[in-house]
Amino acid sequence: MECILAGMAAARALDRVGGQPRIDQKIKRIISLAATLYSSEKYTTNQKCEQLHIGSKATH
């Protein structure tokens, strides 16, 4: 246990923290847009992919 705590302290000293990266505002907007487009039947799959800048294979 002491080795783990020492390793974590050393990592913190180097500004390295574990865990998943935080979701910033840009990503939140993209997620919100994707959810809106997904629930809307107004646009085709290709139009949705163009707006989200993703390939069509990512939607299947």
C-alpha atoms as a PDB file:
ATOM      1  CA  MET A   1       0.000   0.000   0.000  1.00  0.00           C
ATOM      2  CA  GLU A   2       2.865   2.363   0.767  1.00  0.00           C
ATOM      3  CA  CYS A   3       4.345   1.817  -2.693  1.00  0.00           C
ATOM      4  CA  ILE A   4       1.031   2.663  -4.332  1.00  0.00           C
ATOM      5  CA  LEU A   5       0.640   5.875  -2.350  1.00  0.00           C
ATOM      6  CA  ALA A   6       4.248   6.849  -3.067  1.00  0.00           C
ATOM      7  CA  GLY A   7       3.709   6.228  -6.776  1.00  0.00           C
ATOM      8  CA  MET A   8       0.531   8.293  -6.801  1.00  0.00           C
ATOM      9  CA  ALA A   9       2.293  11.141  -4.992  1.00  0.00           C
ATOM     10  CA  ALA A  10       5.129  11.032  -7.523  1.00  0.00           C
ATOM     11  CA  ALA A  11       2.638  11.109 -10.400  1.00  0.00           C
ATOM     12  CA  ARG A  12       0.828  14.091  -8.875  1.00  0.00           C
ATOM     13  CA  ALA A  13       4.147  15.889  -8.545  1.00  0.00           C
ATOM     14  CA  LEU A  14       4.549  15.507 -12.320  1.00  0.00           C
ATOM     15  CA  ASP A  15       0.981  16.792 -12.916  1.00  0.00           C
ATOM     16  CA  ARG A  16      -0.203  13.368 -13.974  1.00  0.00           C
ATOM     17  CA  VAL A  17      -3.542  12.365 -12.605  1.00  0.00           C
ATOM     18  CA  GLY A  18      -5.456   9.212 -13.370  1.00  0.00           C
ATOM     19  CA  GLY A  19      -9.026   8.643 -14.386  1.00  0.00           C
ATOM     20  CA  GLN A  20     -11.052   9.494 -17.436  1.00  0.00           C
ATOM     21  CA  PRO A  21     -10.581  12.855 -19.116  1.00  0.00           C
ATOM     22  CA  ARG A  22     -13.135  15.519 -18.297  1.00  0.00           C
ATOM     23  CA  ILE A  23     -15.803  16.363 -20.855  1.00  0.00           C
ATOM     24  CA  ASP A  24     -15.429  19.979 -21.954  1.00  0.00           C
ATOM     25  CA  GLN A  25     -18.157  22.272 -23.288  1.00  0.00           C
ATOM     26  CA  LYS A  26     -17.351  21.548 -26.950  1.00  0.00           C
ATOM     27  CA  ILE A  27     -17.881  17.815 -26.440  1.00  0.00           C
ATOM     28  CA  LYS A  28     -21.100  18.462 -24.507  1.00  0.00           C
ATOM     29  CA  ARG A  29     -22.472  20.492 -27.440  1.00  0.00           C
ATOM     30  CA  ILE A  30     -21.581  17.718 -29.892  1.00  0.00           C
ATOM     31  CA  ILE A  31     -23.264  15.113 -27.685  1.00  0.00           C
ATOM     32  CA  SER A  32     -26.365  17.282 -27.392  1.00  0.00           C
ATOM     33  CA  LEU A  33     -26.479  17.847 -31.157  1.00  0.00           C
ATOM     34  CA  ALA A  34     -26.010  14.130 -31.819  1.00  0.00           C
ATOM     35  CA  ALA A  35     -28.885  13.246 -29.480  1.00  0.00           C
ATOM     36  CA  THR A  36     -31.139  15.821 -31.141  1.00  0.00           C
ATOM     37  CA  LEU A  37     -30.265  14.640 -34.634  1.00  0.00           C
ATOM     38  CA  TYR A  38     -30.665  10.994 -33.679  1.00  0.00           C
ATOM     39  CA  SER A  39     -34.172  11.514 -32.332  1.00  0.00           C
ATOM     40  CA  SER A  40     -35.175  13.687 -35.297  1.00  0.00           C
ATOM     41  CA  GLU A  41     -36.504  11.994 -38.418  1.00  0.00           C
ATOM     42  CA  LYS A  42     -36.115  15.231 -40.347  1.00  0.00           C
ATOM     43  CA  TYR A  43     -32.589  14.479 -41.617  1.00  0.00           C
ATOM     44  CA  THR A  44     -31.061  11.541 -43.466  1.00  0.00           C
ATOM     45  CA  THR A  45     -28.183   9.558 -42.018  1.00  0.00           C
ATOM     46  CA  ASN A  46     -25.769  11.215 -44.434  1.00  0.00           C
ATOM     47  CA  GLN A  47     -26.915  14.693 -43.392  1.00  0.00           C
ATOM     48  CA  LYS A  48     -26.496  13.790 -39.719  1.00  0.00           C
ATOM     49  CA  CYS A  49     -22.990  12.469 -40.370  1.00  0.00           C
ATOM     50  CA  GLU A  50     -22.031  15.622 -42.260  1.00  0.00           C
ATOM     51  CA  GLN A  51     -23.187  17.859 -39.400  1.00  0.00           C
ATOM     52  CA  LEU A  52     -21.326  15.796 -36.801  1.00  0.00           C
ATOM     53  CA  HIS A  53     -18.230  15.338 -39.014  1.00  0.00           C
ATOM     54  CA  ILE A  54     -18.265  11.554 -38.641  1.00  0.00           C
ATOM     55  CA  GLY A  55     -18.354   8.656 -41.091  1.00  0.00           C
ATOM     56  CA  SER A  56     -21.532   6.756 -41.755  1.00  0.00           C
ATOM     57  CA  LYS A  57     -20.054   3.545 -40.344  1.00  0.00           C
ATOM     58  CA  ALA A  58     -19.902   5.209 -36.922  1.00  0.00           C
ATOM     59  CA  THR A  59     -23.717   5.349 -36.846  1.00  0.00           C
ATOM     60  CA  HIS A  60     -24.373   1.626 -37.216  1.00  0.00           C
END
